[in-house]
């Protein structure tokens, strides 16, 4: 049987071959409306994004700070539904093969039937699922469905994760490990969290999978700091803020978001001889 690398694996391998970190960009699907969200995602994909992380709008996004909570609220109020989120992915797939992962909550999978949810997401063009509130010890149904349908899984390691749990987490992950660099919820911070290099090294002792770092990263300089030690850098709230700041003239959102992404993407390259 011929082995075929997933789109996520190819994207991270390409970044590594180019001596840079992969740029993972988060926005909430359907924020502030379907058409604007489609244009915004296309702008991100055209400006240096290696992995697009789409938040699936949810009424109780417990891992998110105010910026992303309000983004989900805007999307829901605009009429976005699970079916429309999948339609957004299908429309993006018309012009892009860049990996797309869902950032979601278990209730959304459970309510639709886990196997059916994974199957329909894969059919639409989704490459991986990060279920924020699903511990790996309780993820058997989800990981089984993902194996069946060729969907990658993404699980989280936090600063508070004990060493003994890391191999449990890495053991059920197939896409990449998402290291949440701060306790608490999403949101831009003035400074990058400390000890990221040590945390990434601690995770790498248990896995060969890429390690992407997120939470609190919002500037080109902060991207560069994290890119020096991680396989991927996740930026979310700083991009969602661009959408928020241009709600009065939605026609500007895509171009402004593209410019922000292009600026952030310049931070992922490592200096000659750097890396890991």
C-alpha atoms as a PDB file:
ATOM      1  CA  UNK A   1       0.000   0.000   0.000  1.00  0.00           C
ATOM      2  CA  UNK A   2       1.448   3.355  -1.017  1.00  0.00           C
ATOM      3  CA  UNK A   3       1.933   5.878   1.776  1.00  0.00           C
ATOM      4  CA  UNK A   4       0.469   9.320   1.128  1.00  0.00           C
ATOM      5  CA  UNK A   5       1.362  12.278   3.339  1.00  0.00           C
ATOM      6  CA  UNK A   6      -1.536  14.378   4.556  1.00  0.00           C
ATOM      7  CA  UNK A   7      -1.787  18.002   3.498  1.00  0.00           C
ATOM      8  CA  UNK A   8      -0.862  19.010   7.044  1.00  0.00           C
ATOM      9  CA  UNK A   9       2.283  16.863   6.991  1.00  0.00           C
ATOM     10  CA  UNK A  10       3.277  18.252   3.600  1.00  0.00           C
ATOM     11  CA  UNK A  11       2.776  21.834   4.767  1.00  0.00           C
ATOM     12  CA  UNK A  12       4.916  21.436   7.889  1.00  0.00           C
ATOM     13  CA  UNK A  13       7.588  19.510   5.943  1.00  0.00           C
ATOM     14  CA  UNK A  14       7.757  22.273   3.331  1.00  0.00           C
ATOM     15  CA  UNK A  15       8.183  24.916   6.015  1.00  0.00           C
ATOM     16  CA  UNK A  16      10.924  22.919   7.688  1.00  0.00           C
ATOM     17  CA  UNK A  17      12.750  22.408   4.381  1.00  0.00           C
ATOM     18  CA  UNK A  18      12.662  26.200   3.932  1.00  0.00           C
ATOM     19  CA  UNK A  19      14.119  26.714   7.436  1.00  0.00           C
ATOM     20  CA  UNK A  20      11.059  28.450   8.781  1.00  0.00           C
ATOM     21  CA  UNK A  21       8.089  27.802  10.995  1.00  0.00           C
ATOM     22  CA  UNK A  22       4.666  27.177   9.511  1.00  0.00           C
ATOM     23  CA  UNK A  23       2.230  30.082   9.841  1.00  0.00           C
ATOM     24  CA  UNK A  24      -1.105  28.892  11.255  1.00  0.00           C
ATOM     25  CA  UNK A  25      -3.822  31.551  11.018  1.00  0.00           C
ATOM     26  CA  UNK A  26      -7.103  31.448  12.937  1.00  0.00           C
ATOM     27  CA  UNK A  27     -10.372  33.176  12.095  1.00  0.00           C
ATOM     28  CA  UNK A  28     -13.938  32.314  12.996  1.00  0.00           C
ATOM     29  CA  UNK A  29     -15.920  30.907  10.080  1.00  0.00           C
ATOM     30  CA  UNK A  30     -18.698  33.251   9.000  1.00  0.00           C
ATOM     31  CA  UNK A  31     -17.377  36.317  10.826  1.00  0.00           C
ATOM     32  CA  UNK A  32     -18.922  38.832  10.247  1.00  0.00           C
ATOM     33  CA  UNK A  33     -20.965  37.214   7.430  1.00  0.00           C
ATOM     34  CA  UNK A  34     -20.505  34.403   4.926  1.00  0.00           C
ATOM     35  CA  UNK A  35     -19.347  36.397   1.896  1.00  0.00           C
ATOM     36  CA  UNK A  36     -16.953  38.599   3.877  1.00  0.00           C
ATOM     37  CA  UNK A  37     -15.581  35.543   5.666  1.00  0.00           C
ATOM     38  CA  UNK A  38     -14.959  33.773   2.345  1.00  0.00           C
ATOM     39  CA  UNK A  39     -13.073  36.798   0.993  1.00  0.00           C
ATOM     40  CA  UNK A  40     -11.137  37.123   4.274  1.00  0.00           C
ATOM     41  CA  UNK A  41     -10.065  33.471   4.246  1.00  0.00           C
ATOM     42  CA  UNK A  42      -8.978  33.726   0.622  1.00  0.00           C
ATOM     43  CA  UNK A  43      -6.915  36.793   1.513  1.00  0.00           C
ATOM     44  CA  UNK A  44      -5.195  34.860   4.303  1.00  0.00           C
ATOM     45  CA  UNK A  45      -4.443  31.937   2.005  1.00  0.00           C
ATOM     46  CA  UNK A  46      -2.912  34.303  -0.538  1.00  0.00           C
ATOM     47  CA  UNK A  47      -0.607  35.969   1.993  1.00  0.00           C
ATOM     48  CA  UNK A  48       1.696  33.419   3.541  1.00  0.00           C
ATOM     49  CA  UNK A  49      -0.645  31.210   5.573  1.00  0.00           C
ATOM     50  CA  UNK A  50       0.441  27.547   5.694  1.00  0.00           C
ATOM     51  CA  UNK A  51      -2.513  26.216   7.708  1.00  0.00           C
ATOM     52  CA  UNK A  52      -5.929  27.850   8.029  1.00  0.00           C
ATOM     53  CA  UNK A  53      -7.567  27.223  11.397  1.00  0.00           C
ATOM     54  CA  UNK A  54     -11.301  27.841  11.151  1.00  0.00           C
ATOM     55  CA  UNK A  55     -13.205  28.383  14.346  1.00  0.00           C
ATOM     56  CA  UNK A  56     -16.622  26.736  14.183  1.00  0.00           C
ATOM     57  CA  UNK A  57     -19.055  29.240  15.747  1.00  0.00           C
ATOM     58  CA  UNK A  58     -20.388  28.040  19.085  1.00  0.00           C
ATOM     59  CA  UNK A  59     -22.613  29.669  21.683  1.00  0.00           C
ATOM     60  CA  UNK A  60     -20.336  28.745  24.609  1.00  0.00           C
ATOM     61  CA  UNK A  61     -16.703  29.020  23.426  1.00  0.00           C
ATOM     62  CA  UNK A  62     -15.112  28.452  26.823  1.00  0.00           C
ATOM     63  CA  UNK A  63     -11.483  28.455  25.645  1.00  0.00           C
ATOM     64  CA  UNK A  64     -11.820  31.822  23.935  1.00  0.00           C
ATOM     65  CA  UNK A  65     -11.242  35.330  25.161  1.00  0.00           C
ATOM     66  CA  UNK A  66     -13.576  38.232  24.390  1.00  0.00           C
ATOM     67  CA  UNK A  67     -12.203  38.871  20.888  1.00  0.00           C
ATOM     68  CA  UNK A  68     -13.009  35.377  19.656  1.00  0.00           C
ATOM     69  CA  UNK A  69     -16.214  35.133  21.675  1.00  0.00           C
ATOM     70  CA  UNK A  70     -17.544  38.205  19.878  1.00  0.00           C
ATOM     71  CA  UNK A  71     -16.409  36.803  16.525  1.00  0.00           C
ATOM     72  CA  UNK A  72     -18.460  33.658  17.149  1.00  0.00           C
ATOM     73  CA  UNK A  73     -21.412  35.791  18.210  1.00  0.00           C
ATOM     74  CA  UNK A  74     -21.194  37.880  15.024  1.00  0.00           C
ATOM     75  CA  UNK A  75     -21.075  34.736  12.905  1.00  0.00           C
ATOM     76  CA  UNK A  76     -24.058  33.145  14.654  1.00  0.00           C
ATOM     77  CA  UNK A  77     -26.071  36.361  14.435  1.00  0.00           C
ATOM     78  CA  UNK A  78     -25.355  36.538  10.700  1.00  0.00           C
ATOM     79  CA  UNK A  79     -27.032  33.151  10.285  1.00  0.00           C
ATOM     80  CA  UNK A  80     -23.998  30.895   9.963  1.00  0.00           C
ATOM     81  CA  UNK A  81     -24.826  27.225  10.516  1.00  0.00           C
ATOM     82  CA  UNK A  82     -22.883  23.963  10.500  1.00  0.00           C
ATOM     83  CA  UNK A  83     -23.914  23.462   6.882  1.00  0.00           C
ATOM     84  CA  UNK A  84     -22.738  26.952   5.928  1.00  0.00           C
ATOM     85  CA  UNK A  85     -19.364  26.375   7.606  1.00  0.00           C
ATOM     86  CA  UNK A  86     -18.915  23.288   5.426  1.00  0.00           C
ATOM     87  CA  UNK A  87     -19.993  25.295   2.383  1.00  0.00           C
ATOM     88  CA  UNK A  88     -17.312  27.861   3.246  1.00  0.00           C
ATOM     89  CA  UNK A  89     -14.686  25.101   3.228  1.00  0.00           C
ATOM     90  CA  UNK A  90     -15.955  23.778  -0.106  1.00  0.00           C
ATOM     91  CA  UNK A  91     -15.737  27.241  -1.629  1.00  0.00           C
ATOM     92  CA  UNK A  92     -12.161  27.652  -0.343  1.00  0.00           C
ATOM     93  CA  UNK A  93     -11.236  24.275  -1.815  1.00  0.00           C
ATOM     94  CA  UNK A  94     -12.180  25.562  -5.280  1.00  0.00           C
ATOM     95  CA  UNK A  95      -8.982  27.606  -5.361  1.00  0.00           C
ATOM     96  CA  UNK A  96      -6.703  26.337  -2.585  1.00  0.00           C
ATOM     97  CA  UNK A  97      -5.110  23.095  -1.364  1.00  0.00           C
ATOM     98  CA  UNK A  98      -3.778  24.706   1.836  1.00  0.00           C
ATOM     99  CA  UNK A  99      -4.590  22.591   4.916  1.00  0.00           C
ATOM    100  CA  UNK A 100      -7.720  23.585   6.818  1.00  0.00           C
ATOM    101  CA  UNK A 101      -8.406  22.483  10.379  1.00  0.00           C
ATOM    102  CA  UNK A 102     -11.512  22.977  12.462  1.00  0.00           C
ATOM    103  CA  UNK A 103     -11.163  24.561  15.914  1.00  0.00           C
ATOM    104  CA  UNK A 104     -14.322  23.324  17.565  1.00  0.00           C
ATOM    105  CA  UNK A 105     -16.048  22.005  20.685  1.00  0.00           C
ATOM    106  CA  UNK A 106     -17.185  18.478  21.403  1.00  0.00           C
ATOM    107  CA  UNK A 107     -20.874  19.322  21.709  1.00  0.00           C
ATOM    108  CA  UNK A 108     -20.933  20.249  18.020  1.00  0.00           C
ATOM    109  CA  UNK A 109     -19.527  16.848  17.055  1.00  0.00           C
ATOM    110  CA  UNK A 110     -21.745  14.963  19.498  1.00  0.00           C
ATOM    111  CA  UNK A 111     -24.957  16.729  18.476  1.00  0.00           C
ATOM    112  CA  UNK A 112     -24.415  15.847  14.816  1.00  0.00           C
ATOM    113  CA  UNK A 113     -23.087  12.338  15.457  1.00  0.00           C
ATOM    114  CA  UNK A 114     -19.313  12.026  15.684  1.00  0.00           C
ATOM    115  CA  UNK A 115     -18.808   9.688  12.732  1.00  0.00           C
ATOM    116  CA  UNK A 116     -21.171  11.651  10.496  1.00  0.00           C
ATOM    117  CA  UNK A 117     -19.560  14.948  11.475  1.00  0.00           C
ATOM    118  CA  UNK A 118     -16.043  13.743  10.692  1.00  0.00           C
ATOM    119  CA  UNK A 119     -17.146  12.153   7.408  1.00  0.00           C
ATOM    120  CA  UNK A 120     -18.955  15.257   6.138  1.00  0.00           C
ATOM    121  CA  UNK A 121     -16.132  17.558   7.236  1.00  0.00           C
ATOM    122  CA  UNK A 122     -13.586  15.415   5.412  1.00  0.00           C
ATOM    123  CA  UNK A 123     -15.751  15.302   2.309  1.00  0.00           C
ATOM    124  CA  UNK A 124     -15.954  19.114   2.355  1.00  0.00           C
ATOM    125  CA  UNK A 125     -12.148  19.399   2.437  1.00  0.00           C
ATOM    126  CA  UNK A 126     -11.252  19.674   6.132  1.00  0.00           C
ATOM    127  CA  UNK A 127      -7.867  18.152   6.989  1.00  0.00           C
ATOM    128  CA  UNK A 128      -7.892  18.059  10.786  1.00  0.00           C
ATOM    129  CA  UNK A 129      -9.980  18.633  13.896  1.00  0.00           C
ATOM    130  CA  UNK A 130      -8.962  20.277  17.164  1.00  0.00           C
ATOM    131  CA  UNK A 131     -11.694  19.692  19.749  1.00  0.00           C
ATOM    132  CA  UNK A 132     -10.893  22.148  22.506  1.00  0.00           C
ATOM    133  CA  UNK A 133     -12.789  20.584  25.385  1.00  0.00           C
ATOM    134  CA  UNK A 134     -12.167  16.906  24.594  1.00  0.00           C
ATOM    135  CA  UNK A 135      -9.507  15.213  26.773  1.00  0.00           C
ATOM    136  CA  UNK A 136      -7.504  12.602  24.849  1.00  0.00           C
ATOM    137  CA  UNK A 137      -8.468   9.962  27.425  1.00  0.00           C
ATOM    138  CA  UNK A 138     -12.118  10.409  26.357  1.00  0.00           C
ATOM    139  CA  UNK A 139     -11.518  10.898  22.629  1.00  0.00           C
ATOM    140  CA  UNK A 140     -11.778   7.293  21.464  1.00  0.00           C
ATOM    141  CA  UNK A 141     -14.877   7.783  19.304  1.00  0.00           C
ATOM    142  CA  UNK A 142     -13.437  10.881  17.656  1.00  0.00           C
ATOM    143  CA  UNK A 143      -9.999   9.414  16.984  1.00  0.00           C
ATOM    144  CA  UNK A 144     -11.564   6.233  15.583  1.00  0.00           C
ATOM    145  CA  UNK A 145     -13.754   8.244  13.202  1.00  0.00           C
ATOM    146  CA  UNK A 146     -10.758  10.328  12.159  1.00  0.00           C
ATOM    147  CA  UNK A 147      -8.721   7.180  11.410  1.00  0.00           C
ATOM    148  CA  UNK A 148     -11.582   5.770   9.354  1.00  0.00           C
ATOM    149  CA  UNK A 149     -11.956   8.888   7.223  1.00  0.00           C
ATOM    150  CA  UNK A 150      -8.333  10.007   6.979  1.00  0.00           C
ATOM    151  CA  UNK A 151      -8.806  13.088   9.156  1.00  0.00           C
ATOM    152  CA  UNK A 152      -5.866  14.354  11.208  1.00  0.00           C
ATOM    153  CA  UNK A 153      -6.278  15.031  14.920  1.00  0.00           C
ATOM    154  CA  UNK A 154      -4.803  17.954  16.835  1.00  0.00           C
ATOM    155  CA  UNK A 155      -4.559  17.930  20.625  1.00  0.00           C
ATOM    156  CA  UNK A 156      -3.363  20.504  23.132  1.00  0.00           C
ATOM    157  CA  UNK A 157      -0.512  20.566  25.619  1.00  0.00           C
ATOM    158  CA  UNK A 158      -0.684  23.372  28.195  1.00  0.00           C
ATOM    159  CA  UNK A 159       1.940  24.873  30.540  1.00  0.00           C
ATOM    160  CA  UNK A 160       0.235  22.973  33.360  1.00  0.00           C
ATOM    161  CA  UNK A 161       0.273  19.572  31.601  1.00  0.00           C
ATOM    162  CA  UNK A 162       2.228  17.056  33.718  1.00  0.00           C
ATOM    163  CA  UNK A 163       5.039  15.182  31.977  1.00  0.00           C
ATOM    164  CA  UNK A 164       3.179  11.903  32.478  1.00  0.00           C
ATOM    165  CA  UNK A 165       0.247  13.088  30.341  1.00  0.00           C
ATOM    166  CA  UNK A 166       2.290  14.260  27.357  1.00  0.00           C
ATOM    167  CA  UNK A 167       2.772  10.757  25.840  1.00  0.00           C
ATOM    168  CA  UNK A 168      -0.968  10.159  26.264  1.00  0.00           C
ATOM    169  CA  UNK A 169      -1.676  13.329  24.270  1.00  0.00           C
ATOM    170  CA  UNK A 170       0.936  12.701  21.597  1.00  0.00           C
ATOM    171  CA  UNK A 171      -0.227   9.105  21.297  1.00  0.00           C
ATOM    172  CA  UNK A 172      -3.643  10.113  19.917  1.00  0.00           C
ATOM    173  CA  UNK A 173      -2.439  13.050  17.802  1.00  0.00           C
ATOM    174  CA  UNK A 174      -1.714  12.623  14.098  1.00  0.00           C
ATOM    175  CA  UNK A 175      -1.527  16.197  12.762  1.00  0.00           C
ATOM    176  CA  UNK A 176       0.428  18.437  15.123  1.00  0.00           C
ATOM    177  CA  UNK A 177       0.670  19.228  18.806  1.00  0.00           C
ATOM    178  CA  UNK A 178      -0.774  22.606  19.727  1.00  0.00           C
ATOM    179  CA  UNK A 179       1.162  24.037  22.659  1.00  0.00           C
ATOM    180  CA  UNK A 180      -0.947  26.643  24.419  1.00  0.00           C
ATOM    181  CA  UNK A 181       1.756  28.969  25.712  1.00  0.00           C
ATOM    182  CA  UNK A 182      -0.380  30.617  28.391  1.00  0.00           C
ATOM    183  CA  UNK A 183      -2.907  29.591  30.984  1.00  0.00           C
ATOM    184  CA  UNK A 184      -6.365  31.020  30.453  1.00  0.00           C
ATOM    185  CA  UNK A 185      -8.108  31.990  27.228  1.00  0.00           C
ATOM    186  CA  UNK A 186      -7.126  33.280  23.792  1.00  0.00           C
ATOM    187  CA  UNK A 187      -6.128  36.911  23.271  1.00  0.00           C
ATOM    188  CA  UNK A 188      -3.282  39.194  22.201  1.00  0.00           C
ATOM    189  CA  UNK A 189      -0.619  39.884  24.855  1.00  0.00           C
ATOM    190  CA  UNK A 190       2.144  42.493  25.092  1.00  0.00           C
ATOM    191  CA  UNK A 191       4.846  39.854  25.478  1.00  0.00           C
ATOM    192  CA  UNK A 192       5.364  36.274  24.429  1.00  0.00           C
ATOM    193  CA  UNK A 193       5.105  33.790  27.282  1.00  0.00           C
ATOM    194  CA  UNK A 194       8.350  32.633  28.868  1.00  0.00           C
ATOM    195  CA  UNK A 195       9.824  29.134  28.735  1.00  0.00           C
ATOM    196  CA  UNK A 196       8.430  28.292  25.280  1.00  0.00           C
ATOM    197  CA  UNK A 197      11.727  26.740  24.158  1.00  0.00           C
ATOM    198  CA  UNK A 198      11.805  24.490  27.213  1.00  0.00           C
ATOM    199  CA  UNK A 199       8.162  23.494  26.766  1.00  0.00           C
ATOM    200  CA  UNK A 200       8.638  22.637  23.092  1.00  0.00           C
ATOM    201  CA  UNK A 201      11.711  20.569  23.932  1.00  0.00           C
ATOM    202  CA  UNK A 202       9.718  18.750  26.632  1.00  0.00           C
ATOM    203  CA  UNK A 203       7.018  17.837  24.100  1.00  0.00           C
ATOM    204  CA  UNK A 204       9.546  16.770  21.456  1.00  0.00           C
ATOM    205  CA  UNK A 205      10.942  14.158  23.821  1.00  0.00           C
ATOM    206  CA  UNK A 206       7.692  12.250  23.256  1.00  0.00           C
ATOM    207  CA  UNK A 207       6.889  12.796  19.572  1.00  0.00           C
ATOM    208  CA  UNK A 208       8.243  13.486  16.092  1.00  0.00           C
ATOM    209  CA  UNK A 209       5.092  15.405  15.182  1.00  0.00           C
ATOM    210  CA  UNK A 210       5.323  19.160  14.598  1.00  0.00           C
ATOM    211  CA  UNK A 211       4.749  21.402  17.614  1.00  0.00           C
ATOM    212  CA  UNK A 212       2.871  24.644  16.947  1.00  0.00           C
ATOM    213  CA  UNK A 213       2.652  27.363  19.585  1.00  0.00           C
ATOM    214  CA  UNK A 214      -0.289  29.719  20.054  1.00  0.00           C
ATOM    215  CA  UNK A 215      -2.195  31.994  22.460  1.00  0.00           C
ATOM    216  CA  UNK A 216      -1.012  35.574  22.926  1.00  0.00           C
ATOM    217  CA  UNK A 217       0.999  35.981  19.703  1.00  0.00           C
ATOM    218  CA  UNK A 218       0.061  39.061  17.722  1.00  0.00           C
ATOM    219  CA  UNK A 219       3.022  40.841  16.102  1.00  0.00           C
ATOM    220  CA  UNK A 220       5.749  40.061  13.579  1.00  0.00           C
ATOM    221  CA  UNK A 221       8.351  40.298  16.358  1.00  0.00           C
ATOM    222  CA  UNK A 222       6.452  37.857  18.565  1.00  0.00           C
ATOM    223  CA  UNK A 223       6.041  35.472  15.617  1.00  0.00           C
ATOM    224  CA  UNK A 224       9.805  35.581  15.088  1.00  0.00           C
ATOM    225  CA  UNK A 225      10.482  34.794  18.759  1.00  0.00           C
ATOM    226  CA  UNK A 226       8.294  31.699  18.637  1.00  0.00           C
ATOM    227  CA  UNK A 227       9.414  30.630  15.147  1.00  0.00           C
ATOM    228  CA  UNK A 228      12.981  30.357  16.418  1.00  0.00           C
ATOM    229  CA  UNK A 229      12.037  27.327  18.534  1.00  0.00           C
ATOM    230  CA  UNK A 230       8.707  25.913  17.266  1.00  0.00           C
ATOM    231  CA  UNK A 231       7.564  24.127  14.114  1.00  0.00           C
ATOM    232  CA  UNK A 232       4.538  26.372  13.773  1.00  0.00           C
ATOM    233  CA  UNK A 233       3.206  29.691  15.047  1.00  0.00           C
ATOM    234  CA  UNK A 234      -0.535  30.193  15.596  1.00  0.00           C
ATOM    235  CA  UNK A 235      -1.998  33.706  15.383  1.00  0.00           C
ATOM    236  CA  UNK A 236      -5.692  34.219  16.027  1.00  0.00           C
ATOM    237  CA  UNK A 237      -6.968  37.198  18.014  1.00  0.00           C
ATOM    238  CA  UNK A 238      -4.672  39.668  16.220  1.00  0.00           C
ATOM    239  CA  UNK A 239      -6.304  38.657  12.927  1.00  0.00           C
ATOM    240  CA  UNK A 240      -9.827  38.633  14.349  1.00  0.00           C
ATOM    241  CA  UNK A 241      -9.170  42.160  15.639  1.00  0.00           C
ATOM    242  CA  UNK A 242      -8.643  43.285  12.028  1.00  0.00           C
ATOM    243  CA  UNK A 243     -12.136  42.049  11.225  1.00  0.00           C
ATOM    244  CA  UNK A 244     -13.564  43.774  14.302  1.00  0.00           C
ATOM    245  CA  UNK A 245     -11.830  47.056  13.494  1.00  0.00           C
ATOM    246  CA  UNK A 246     -13.271  47.197   9.962  1.00  0.00           C
ATOM    247  CA  UNK A 247     -16.885  46.246  10.585  1.00  0.00           C
ATOM    248  CA  UNK A 248     -18.034  49.692   9.504  1.00  0.00           C
ATOM    249  CA  UNK A 249     -16.637  49.049   6.004  1.00  0.00           C
ATOM    250  CA  UNK A 250     -16.694  45.312   5.422  1.00  0.00           C
ATOM    251  CA  UNK A 251     -15.357  45.684   1.891  1.00  0.00           C
ATOM    252  CA  UNK A 252     -11.976  46.567   3.448  1.00  0.00           C
ATOM    253  CA  UNK A 253     -11.729  43.490   5.669  1.00  0.00           C
ATOM    254  CA  UNK A 254     -10.144  41.124   3.148  1.00  0.00           C
ATOM    255  CA  UNK A 255      -7.437  43.540   2.013  1.00  0.00           C
ATOM    256  CA  UNK A 256      -6.617  44.645   5.565  1.00  0.00           C
ATOM    257  CA  UNK A 257      -6.486  41.043   6.739  1.00  0.00           C
ATOM    258  CA  UNK A 258      -4.244  40.085   3.834  1.00  0.00           C
ATOM    259  CA  UNK A 259      -1.849  42.895   4.685  1.00  0.00           C
ATOM    260  CA  UNK A 260      -1.742  41.865   8.348  1.00  0.00           C
ATOM    261  CA  UNK A 261      -1.095  38.231   7.428  1.00  0.00           C
ATOM    262  CA  UNK A 262       1.676  39.180   5.008  1.00  0.00           C
ATOM    263  CA  UNK A 263       3.359  41.231   7.737  1.00  0.00           C
ATOM    264  CA  UNK A 264       3.086  38.410  10.292  1.00  0.00           C
ATOM    265  CA  UNK A 265       4.380  35.877   7.760  1.00  0.00           C
ATOM    266  CA  UNK A 266       7.676  37.730   7.481  1.00  0.00           C
ATOM    267  CA  UNK A 267       8.403  36.648  11.061  1.00  0.00           C
ATOM    268  CA  UNK A 268       8.417  32.888  10.448  1.00  0.00           C
ATOM    269  CA  UNK A 269      11.803  32.704   8.684  1.00  0.00           C
ATOM    270  CA  UNK A 270      14.726  31.640  10.841  1.00  0.00           C
ATOM    271  CA  UNK A 271      18.175  33.179  10.713  1.00  0.00           C
ATOM    272  CA  UNK A 272      20.845  31.258   8.849  1.00  0.00           C
ATOM    273  CA  UNK A 273      21.957  28.370  11.024  1.00  0.00           C
ATOM    274  CA  UNK A 274      18.946  28.729  13.326  1.00  0.00           C
ATOM    275  CA  UNK A 275      16.102  26.325  13.848  1.00  0.00           C
ATOM    276  CA  UNK A 276      15.964  23.073  15.673  1.00  0.00           C
END
